[in-house]
Amino acid sequence: MGRALELARQALVAEEVPVGAVVVLGGEVVGEGENRTRRDSDPTAHAEVVALREAARHQGDFRLEGATLYVTVEPCLMCLGAILIARISRLVYGCPEPKFGALRSRFKLAGHERFRRLAMVGGVGEEESRSLLRAFFEGLRAEDG
């Protein structure tokens, strides 16, 4: 989670929503990403998707069975779908995402039978993850004056 938080801090400096993600397989980092939606003008360039793309390229296969995805914020519906398609085995996330969180916050899909093979742990690095988000959104409000 430490590397995911570092990537989230980089995203904040780049004026992106500060979310970072890391894919670990067999004890090795095989993919990482930070939010790039603004820089890439791409609504799918969430940290999780960027990390999953890199991991799939690294592995030569989109199936990442046995991998753990660390992400600083609870995934949205799109990212959760990508996590399932990639067959990630374990998801570790920082803070809840009340507007778009697909697991426990907004859509509450964690209990759905389709997720029975996905181990989930929330609250890891929660305070720092929340603090980064707060800094980003306070900065936006200050700009809007």
N, C-alpha and C. Protein backbone atom coordinates (compact mmCIF):
# COMPACT_ATOMS: atom_id res chain seq x y z
N MET A 1 0.83 -1.20 0.00
CA MET A 1 0.00 0.00 0.00
C MET A 1 0.87 1.26 0.00
N GLY A 2 2.07 1.12 0.52
CA GLY A 2 2.96 2.28 0.55
C GLY A 2 3.22 2.84 -0.84
N ARG A 3 3.46 1.96 -1.80
CA ARG A 3 3.71 2.42 -3.18
C ARG A 3 2.43 3.01 -3.78
N ALA A 4 1.29 2.44 -3.50
CA ALA A 4 0.03 2.99 -4.00
C ALA A 4 -0.19 4.41 -3.46
N LEU A 5 0.13 4.62 -2.20
CA LEU A 5 0.00 5.97 -1.62
C LEU A 5 0.98 6.94 -2.27
N GLU A 6 2.17 6.47 -2.56
CA GLU A 6 3.16 7.31 -3.25
C GLU A 6 2.63 7.72 -4.63
N LEU A 7 2.04 6.79 -5.35
CA LEU A 7 1.46 7.10 -6.66
C LEU A 7 0.29 8.07 -6.52
N ALA A 8 -0.51 7.93 -5.47
CA ALA A 8 -1.62 8.86 -5.23
C ALA A 8 -1.08 10.27 -4.98
N ARG A 9 0.03 10.38 -4.25
CA ARG A 9 0.64 11.69 -4.02
C ARG A 9 1.12 12.29 -5.34
N GLN A 10 1.68 11.47 -6.22
CA GLN A 10 2.11 11.94 -7.54
C GLN A 10 0.91 12.44 -8.35
N ALA A 11 -0.19 11.73 -8.28
CA ALA A 11 -1.40 12.16 -8.98
C ALA A 11 -1.87 13.52 -8.46
N LEU A 12 -1.81 13.70 -7.15
CA LEU A 12 -2.21 14.98 -6.56
C LEU A 12 -1.36 16.12 -7.10
N VAL A 13 -0.06 15.91 -7.16
CA VAL A 13 0.85 16.93 -7.71
C VAL A 13 0.51 17.24 -9.16
N ALA A 14 0.05 16.22 -9.90
CA ALA A 14 -0.33 16.39 -11.31
C ALA A 14 -1.76 16.91 -11.47
N GLU A 15 -2.39 17.30 -10.35
CA GLU A 15 -3.75 17.83 -10.33
C GLU A 15 -4.79 16.83 -10.80
N GLU A 16 -4.53 15.55 -10.50
CA GLU A 16 -5.48 14.48 -10.74
C GLU A 16 -6.11 14.09 -9.41
N VAL A 17 -7.27 13.43 -9.44
CA VAL A 17 -7.82 12.88 -8.22
C VAL A 17 -6.77 11.90 -7.68
N PRO A 18 -6.32 12.08 -6.44
CA PRO A 18 -5.19 11.31 -5.93
C PRO A 18 -5.52 9.86 -5.55
N VAL A 19 -5.44 9.00 -6.55
CA VAL A 19 -5.64 7.57 -6.35
C VAL A 19 -4.46 6.86 -6.97
N GLY A 20 -3.91 5.90 -6.23
CA GLY A 20 -2.82 5.08 -6.74
C GLY A 20 -3.16 3.62 -6.60
N ALA A 21 -2.59 2.79 -7.50
CA ALA A 21 -2.88 1.35 -7.48
C ALA A 21 -1.63 0.57 -7.87
N VAL A 22 -1.47 -0.60 -7.26
CA VAL A 22 -0.34 -1.48 -7.52
C VAL A 22 -0.85 -2.92 -7.60
N VAL A 23 -0.38 -3.65 -8.62
CA VAL A 23 -0.70 -5.07 -8.76
C VAL A 23 0.54 -5.87 -8.40
N VAL A 24 0.39 -6.80 -7.46
CA VAL A 24 1.48 -7.66 -7.01
C VAL A 24 1.12 -9.10 -7.31
N LEU A 25 2.05 -9.80 -7.95
CA LEU A 25 1.86 -11.20 -8.30
C LEU A 25 3.14 -11.95 -7.98
N GLY A 26 3.04 -12.98 -7.17
CA GLY A 26 4.21 -13.76 -6.79
C GLY A 26 5.26 -12.93 -6.07
N GLY A 27 4.80 -11.94 -5.28
CA GLY A 27 5.71 -11.10 -4.52
C GLY A 27 6.39 -10.02 -5.35
N GLU A 28 6.02 -9.88 -6.61
CA GLU A 28 6.63 -8.90 -7.51
C GLU A 28 5.58 -7.90 -7.97
N VAL A 29 5.96 -6.61 -8.01
CA VAL A 29 5.07 -5.59 -8.58
C VAL A 29 5.09 -5.79 -10.10
N VAL A 30 3.92 -6.08 -10.67
CA VAL A 30 3.83 -6.30 -12.11
C VAL A 30 3.07 -5.18 -12.82
N GLY A 31 2.45 -4.30 -12.05
CA GLY A 31 1.73 -3.17 -12.63
C GLY A 31 1.46 -2.12 -11.59
N GLU A 32 1.49 -0.89 -12.02
CA GLU A 32 1.13 0.20 -11.11
C GLU A 32 0.55 1.34 -11.93
N GLY A 33 -0.22 2.16 -11.25
CA GLY A 33 -0.83 3.29 -11.93
C GLY A 33 -1.36 4.32 -10.97
N GLU A 34 -1.54 5.49 -11.50
CA GLU A 34 -2.18 6.58 -10.76
C GLU A 34 -3.26 7.14 -11.67
N ASN A 35 -4.21 7.85 -11.12
CA ASN A 35 -5.25 8.44 -11.95
C ASN A 35 -4.63 9.31 -13.03
N ARG A 36 -5.12 9.15 -14.27
CA ARG A 36 -4.60 9.91 -15.41
C ARG A 36 -5.74 10.45 -16.28
N THR A 37 -6.93 10.52 -15.72
CA THR A 37 -8.10 10.89 -16.53
C THR A 37 -7.95 12.29 -17.15
N ARG A 38 -7.47 13.23 -16.39
CA ARG A 38 -7.32 14.60 -16.91
C ARG A 38 -6.16 14.68 -17.89
N ARG A 39 -5.02 14.12 -17.53
CA ARG A 39 -3.83 14.19 -18.40
C ARG A 39 -4.06 13.48 -19.72
N ASP A 40 -4.76 12.36 -19.69
CA ASP A 40 -4.96 11.56 -20.89
C ASP A 40 -6.29 11.85 -21.58
N SER A 41 -7.12 12.73 -21.00
CA SER A 41 -8.48 12.97 -21.51
C SER A 41 -9.19 11.64 -21.76
N ASP A 42 -9.12 10.78 -20.74
CA ASP A 42 -9.62 9.41 -20.86
C ASP A 42 -10.40 9.06 -19.59
N PRO A 43 -11.71 8.94 -19.70
CA PRO A 43 -12.49 8.63 -18.50
C PRO A 43 -12.21 7.24 -17.92
N THR A 44 -11.55 6.37 -18.67
CA THR A 44 -11.22 5.03 -18.16
C THR A 44 -9.84 4.96 -17.52
N ALA A 45 -9.10 6.05 -17.51
CA ALA A 45 -7.73 6.03 -17.01
C ALA A 45 -7.68 6.18 -15.48
N HIS A 46 -8.49 5.39 -14.79
CA HIS A 46 -8.43 5.32 -13.33
C HIS A 46 -7.18 4.54 -12.94
N ALA A 47 -6.69 4.79 -11.75
CA ALA A 47 -5.46 4.14 -11.28
C ALA A 47 -5.52 2.62 -11.40
N GLU A 48 -6.65 2.04 -11.04
CA GLU A 48 -6.79 0.58 -11.08
C GLU A 48 -6.65 0.06 -12.51
N VAL A 49 -7.32 0.72 -13.45
CA VAL A 49 -7.29 0.29 -14.85
C VAL A 49 -5.88 0.45 -15.42
N VAL A 50 -5.23 1.56 -15.11
CA VAL A 50 -3.86 1.79 -15.58
C VAL A 50 -2.95 0.68 -15.05
N ALA A 51 -3.08 0.36 -13.77
CA ALA A 51 -2.25 -0.69 -13.16
C ALA A 51 -2.56 -2.07 -13.76
N LEU A 52 -3.83 -2.36 -13.98
CA LEU A 52 -4.21 -3.65 -14.57
C LEU A 52 -3.69 -3.77 -16.01
N ARG A 53 -3.75 -2.68 -16.77
CA ARG A 53 -3.22 -2.70 -18.14
C ARG A 53 -1.72 -3.02 -18.13
N GLU A 54 -1.00 -2.34 -17.25
CA GLU A 54 0.45 -2.56 -17.17
C GLU A 54 0.76 -3.99 -16.73
N ALA A 55 0.02 -4.49 -15.77
CA ALA A 55 0.24 -5.86 -15.28
C ALA A 55 -0.05 -6.88 -16.39
N ALA A 56 -1.12 -6.67 -17.14
CA ALA A 56 -1.47 -7.59 -18.23
C ALA A 56 -0.38 -7.59 -19.30
N ARG A 57 0.13 -6.41 -19.64
CA ARG A 57 1.24 -6.34 -20.61
C ARG A 57 2.46 -7.07 -20.07
N HIS A 58 2.77 -6.84 -18.81
CA HIS A 58 3.93 -7.47 -18.19
C HIS A 58 3.81 -8.99 -18.21
N GLN A 59 2.62 -9.50 -17.93
CA GLN A 59 2.39 -10.94 -17.86
C GLN A 59 2.11 -11.56 -19.23
N GLY A 60 1.74 -10.72 -20.20
CA GLY A 60 1.37 -11.25 -21.51
C GLY A 60 0.02 -11.92 -21.50
N ASP A 61 -0.81 -11.56 -20.53
CA ASP A 61 -2.14 -12.16 -20.40
C ASP A 61 -2.97 -11.24 -19.51
N PHE A 62 -4.24 -11.08 -19.87
CA PHE A 62 -5.11 -10.23 -19.04
C PHE A 62 -5.53 -10.94 -17.76
N ARG A 63 -5.39 -12.27 -17.72
CA ARG A 63 -5.78 -13.02 -16.52
C ARG A 63 -4.66 -12.92 -15.48
N LEU A 64 -4.99 -12.35 -14.35
CA LEU A 64 -4.00 -12.10 -13.30
C LEU A 64 -4.34 -12.89 -12.04
N GLU A 65 -4.73 -14.14 -12.23
CA GLU A 65 -5.11 -14.99 -11.10
C GLU A 65 -3.96 -15.08 -10.11
N GLY A 66 -4.31 -15.00 -8.83
CA GLY A 66 -3.31 -15.05 -7.78
C GLY A 66 -2.75 -13.68 -7.41
N ALA A 67 -3.12 -12.65 -8.16
CA ALA A 67 -2.58 -11.30 -7.91
C ALA A 67 -3.39 -10.57 -6.84
N THR A 68 -2.70 -9.65 -6.19
CA THR A 68 -3.33 -8.72 -5.25
C THR A 68 -3.27 -7.33 -5.84
N LEU A 69 -4.38 -6.62 -5.79
CA LEU A 69 -4.43 -5.22 -6.22
C LEU A 69 -4.56 -4.36 -4.97
N TYR A 70 -3.61 -3.46 -4.80
CA TYR A 70 -3.66 -2.47 -3.72
C TYR A 70 -4.09 -1.15 -4.35
N VAL A 71 -5.11 -0.53 -3.79
CA VAL A 71 -5.59 0.76 -4.30
C VAL A 71 -5.98 1.63 -3.12
N THR A 72 -5.73 2.91 -3.24
CA THR A 72 -5.90 3.81 -2.11
C THR A 72 -7.36 4.14 -1.81
N VAL A 73 -8.24 3.94 -2.78
CA VAL A 73 -9.66 4.28 -2.60
C VAL A 73 -10.53 3.12 -3.11
N GLU A 74 -11.64 2.91 -2.46
CA GLU A 74 -12.60 1.87 -2.88
C GLU A 74 -12.91 2.02 -4.38
N PRO A 75 -12.81 0.94 -5.14
CA PRO A 75 -13.05 1.01 -6.58
C PRO A 75 -14.48 1.36 -6.96
N CYS A 76 -14.60 2.01 -8.12
CA CYS A 76 -15.91 2.32 -8.70
C CYS A 76 -16.42 1.10 -9.48
N LEU A 77 -17.59 1.22 -10.05
CA LEU A 77 -18.18 0.12 -10.82
C LEU A 77 -17.29 -0.31 -11.99
N MET A 78 -16.78 0.65 -12.74
CA MET A 78 -15.94 0.32 -13.89
C MET A 78 -14.70 -0.44 -13.45
N CYS A 79 -14.04 0.05 -12.43
CA CYS A 79 -12.81 -0.58 -11.96
C CYS A 79 -13.09 -1.95 -11.36
N LEU A 80 -14.19 -2.07 -10.66
CA LEU A 80 -14.55 -3.37 -10.09
C LEU A 80 -14.80 -4.38 -11.20
N GLY A 81 -15.44 -3.96 -12.28
CA GLY A 81 -15.63 -4.84 -13.43
C GLY A 81 -14.29 -5.29 -14.01
N ALA A 82 -13.36 -4.36 -14.16
CA ALA A 82 -12.03 -4.70 -14.69
C ALA A 82 -11.30 -5.65 -13.75
N ILE A 83 -11.45 -5.44 -12.45
CA ILE A 83 -10.82 -6.32 -11.45
C ILE A 83 -11.35 -7.74 -11.60
N LEU A 84 -12.65 -7.87 -11.78
CA LEU A 84 -13.26 -9.19 -11.96
C LEU A 84 -12.81 -9.85 -13.25
N ILE A 85 -12.80 -9.10 -14.34
CA ILE A 85 -12.39 -9.66 -15.63
C ILE A 85 -10.93 -10.09 -15.59
N ALA A 86 -10.09 -9.33 -14.87
CA ALA A 86 -8.67 -9.68 -14.74
C ALA A 86 -8.45 -10.87 -13.79
N ARG A 87 -9.50 -11.26 -13.09
CA ARG A 87 -9.43 -12.38 -12.15
C ARG A 87 -8.45 -12.13 -11.00
N ILE A 88 -8.42 -10.90 -10.54
CA ILE A 88 -7.63 -10.56 -9.36
C ILE A 88 -8.15 -11.40 -8.20
N SER A 89 -7.25 -11.91 -7.38
CA SER A 89 -7.64 -12.78 -6.26
C SER A 89 -7.90 -12.02 -4.97
N ARG A 90 -7.18 -10.91 -4.80
CA ARG A 90 -7.28 -10.18 -3.53
C ARG A 90 -7.26 -8.69 -3.82
N LEU A 91 -8.14 -7.96 -3.16
CA LEU A 91 -8.23 -6.51 -3.29
C LEU A 91 -8.04 -5.89 -1.92
N VAL A 92 -7.07 -4.98 -1.84
CA VAL A 92 -6.81 -4.25 -0.60
C VAL A 92 -6.98 -2.77 -0.93
N TYR A 93 -7.88 -2.09 -0.21
CA TYR A 93 -8.09 -0.68 -0.50
C TYR A 93 -8.04 0.17 0.76
N GLY A 94 -7.82 1.46 0.54
CA GLY A 94 -7.68 2.41 1.64
C GLY A 94 -9.01 2.89 2.18
N CYS A 95 -9.49 4.01 1.66
CA CYS A 95 -10.70 4.61 2.21
C CYS A 95 -11.93 4.34 1.35
N PRO A 96 -13.10 4.43 1.96
CA PRO A 96 -14.35 4.29 1.22
C PRO A 96 -14.51 5.46 0.23
N GLU A 97 -15.34 5.25 -0.78
CA GLU A 97 -15.63 6.30 -1.76
C GLU A 97 -17.15 6.48 -1.80
N PRO A 98 -17.67 7.44 -1.02
CA PRO A 98 -19.12 7.55 -0.85
C PRO A 98 -19.91 7.87 -2.11
N LYS A 99 -19.31 8.52 -3.10
CA LYS A 99 -20.05 8.86 -4.32
C LYS A 99 -20.12 7.70 -5.31
N PHE A 100 -19.01 6.97 -5.49
CA PHE A 100 -18.96 5.96 -6.55
C PHE A 100 -18.46 4.60 -6.08
N GLY A 101 -18.18 4.41 -4.81
CA GLY A 101 -17.65 3.15 -4.31
C GLY A 101 -18.59 1.99 -4.60
N ALA A 102 -18.05 0.96 -5.25
CA ALA A 102 -18.90 -0.14 -5.71
C ALA A 102 -18.96 -1.31 -4.74
N LEU A 103 -18.10 -1.35 -3.74
CA LEU A 103 -18.07 -2.50 -2.84
C LEU A 103 -18.98 -2.34 -1.62
N ARG A 104 -18.77 -1.27 -0.89
CA ARG A 104 -19.50 -1.13 0.37
C ARG A 104 -20.15 0.23 0.55
N SER A 105 -19.73 1.22 -0.21
CA SER A 105 -20.22 2.58 0.02
C SER A 105 -21.50 2.90 -0.73
N ARG A 106 -21.41 3.03 -2.04
CA ARG A 106 -22.57 3.44 -2.83
C ARG A 106 -23.37 2.25 -3.34
N PHE A 107 -22.71 1.28 -3.97
CA PHE A 107 -23.43 0.19 -4.64
C PHE A 107 -23.48 -1.11 -3.84
N LYS A 108 -22.63 -1.25 -2.85
CA LYS A 108 -22.68 -2.38 -1.90
C LYS A 108 -22.68 -3.76 -2.58
N LEU A 109 -21.75 -3.95 -3.50
CA LEU A 109 -21.67 -5.22 -4.23
C LEU A 109 -20.77 -6.26 -3.57
N ALA A 110 -20.13 -5.92 -2.47
CA ALA A 110 -19.20 -6.85 -1.82
C ALA A 110 -19.86 -8.18 -1.48
N GLY A 111 -21.14 -8.17 -1.16
CA GLY A 111 -21.82 -9.40 -0.80
C GLY A 111 -22.39 -10.19 -1.97
N HIS A 112 -22.26 -9.67 -3.17
CA HIS A 112 -22.80 -10.35 -4.36
C HIS A 112 -22.06 -11.66 -4.60
N GLU A 113 -22.79 -12.70 -5.00
CA GLU A 113 -22.19 -14.03 -5.18
C GLU A 113 -21.06 -14.03 -6.20
N ARG A 114 -21.06 -13.12 -7.14
CA ARG A 114 -20.00 -13.07 -8.16
C ARG A 114 -18.64 -12.73 -7.55
N PHE A 115 -18.65 -12.15 -6.36
CA PHE A 115 -17.40 -11.72 -5.73
C PHE A 115 -16.89 -12.71 -4.68
N ARG A 116 -17.47 -13.88 -4.65
CA ARG A 116 -17.09 -14.85 -3.62
C ARG A 116 -15.62 -15.27 -3.72
N ARG A 117 -15.03 -15.17 -4.90
CA ARG A 117 -13.62 -15.55 -5.07
C ARG A 117 -12.66 -14.39 -4.88
N LEU A 118 -13.18 -13.21 -4.69
CA LEU A 118 -12.34 -12.03 -4.50
C LEU A 118 -12.26 -11.70 -3.01
N ALA A 119 -11.10 -11.93 -2.43
CA ALA A 119 -10.90 -11.55 -1.03
C ALA A 119 -10.74 -10.03 -0.97
N MET A 120 -11.41 -9.39 -0.03
CA MET A 120 -11.38 -7.92 0.07
C MET A 120 -11.01 -7.47 1.47
N VAL A 121 -10.14 -6.49 1.52
CA VAL A 121 -9.75 -5.89 2.79
C VAL A 121 -9.78 -4.38 2.60
N GLY A 122 -10.55 -3.69 3.41
CA GLY A 122 -10.61 -2.23 3.34
C GLY A 122 -9.98 -1.60 4.56
N GLY A 123 -9.70 -0.32 4.47
CA GLY A 123 -9.19 0.43 5.61
C GLY A 123 -7.68 0.43 5.76
N VAL A 124 -6.95 -0.11 4.78
CA VAL A 124 -5.49 -0.14 4.85
C VAL A 124 -4.96 1.19 4.30
N GLY A 125 -4.29 1.95 5.15
CA GLY A 125 -3.84 3.28 4.74
C GLY A 125 -4.98 4.27 4.59
N GLU A 126 -6.06 4.00 5.32
CA GLU A 126 -7.28 4.79 5.15
C GLU A 126 -7.10 6.27 5.44
N GLU A 127 -6.44 6.59 6.53
CA GLU A 127 -6.33 8.01 6.90
C GLU A 127 -5.54 8.82 5.88
N GLU A 128 -4.41 8.28 5.42
CA GLU A 128 -3.63 9.02 4.42
C GLU A 128 -4.39 9.11 3.10
N SER A 129 -5.05 8.04 2.71
CA SER A 129 -5.84 8.05 1.47
C SER A 129 -6.92 9.14 1.54
N ARG A 130 -7.62 9.19 2.65
CA ARG A 130 -8.68 10.18 2.85
C ARG A 130 -8.10 11.61 2.87
N SER A 131 -6.96 11.76 3.51
CA SER A 131 -6.31 13.06 3.59
C SER A 131 -5.92 13.58 2.20
N LEU A 132 -5.42 12.71 1.35
CA LEU A 132 -5.05 13.11 -0.02
C LEU A 132 -6.29 13.56 -0.80
N LEU A 133 -7.37 12.80 -0.69
CA LEU A 133 -8.61 13.19 -1.37
C LEU A 133 -9.12 14.53 -0.86
N ARG A 134 -9.09 14.69 0.45
CA ARG A 134 -9.56 15.94 1.04
C ARG A 134 -8.74 17.13 0.51
N ALA A 135 -7.42 16.97 0.44
CA ALA A 135 -6.55 18.04 -0.06
C ALA A 135 -6.90 18.39 -1.51
N PHE A 136 -7.15 17.38 -2.32
CA PHE A 136 -7.50 17.62 -3.72
C PHE A 136 -8.80 18.40 -3.83
N PHE A 137 -9.84 17.95 -3.16
CA PHE A 137 -11.14 18.58 -3.30
C PHE A 137 -11.20 19.95 -2.62
N GLU A 138 -10.45 20.15 -1.56
CA GLU A 138 -10.36 21.48 -0.96
C GLU A 138 -9.68 22.44 -1.93
N GLY A 139 -8.67 21.94 -2.64
CA GLY A 139 -7.99 22.76 -3.65
C GLY A 139 -8.92 23.16 -4.78
N LEU A 140 -9.77 22.24 -5.20
CA LEU A 140 -10.75 22.57 -6.24
C LEU A 140 -11.73 23.64 -5.79
N ARG A 141 -12.21 23.50 -4.55
CA ARG A 141 -13.16 24.48 -4.02
C ARG A 141 -12.50 25.85 -3.90
N ALA A 142 -11.22 25.88 -3.51
CA ALA A 142 -10.51 27.16 -3.40
C ALA A 142 -10.36 27.82 -4.76
N GLU A 143 -10.12 27.00 -5.80
CA GLU A 143 -10.00 27.54 -7.17
C GLU A 143 -11.32 28.13 -7.64
N ASP A 144 -12.42 27.47 -7.25
CA ASP A 144 -13.74 27.95 -7.69
C ASP A 144 -14.15 29.22 -6.95
N GLY A 145 -13.46 29.44 -5.81
CA GLY A 145 -13.66 30.63 -5.01
C GLY A 145 -15.03 30.90 -4.66
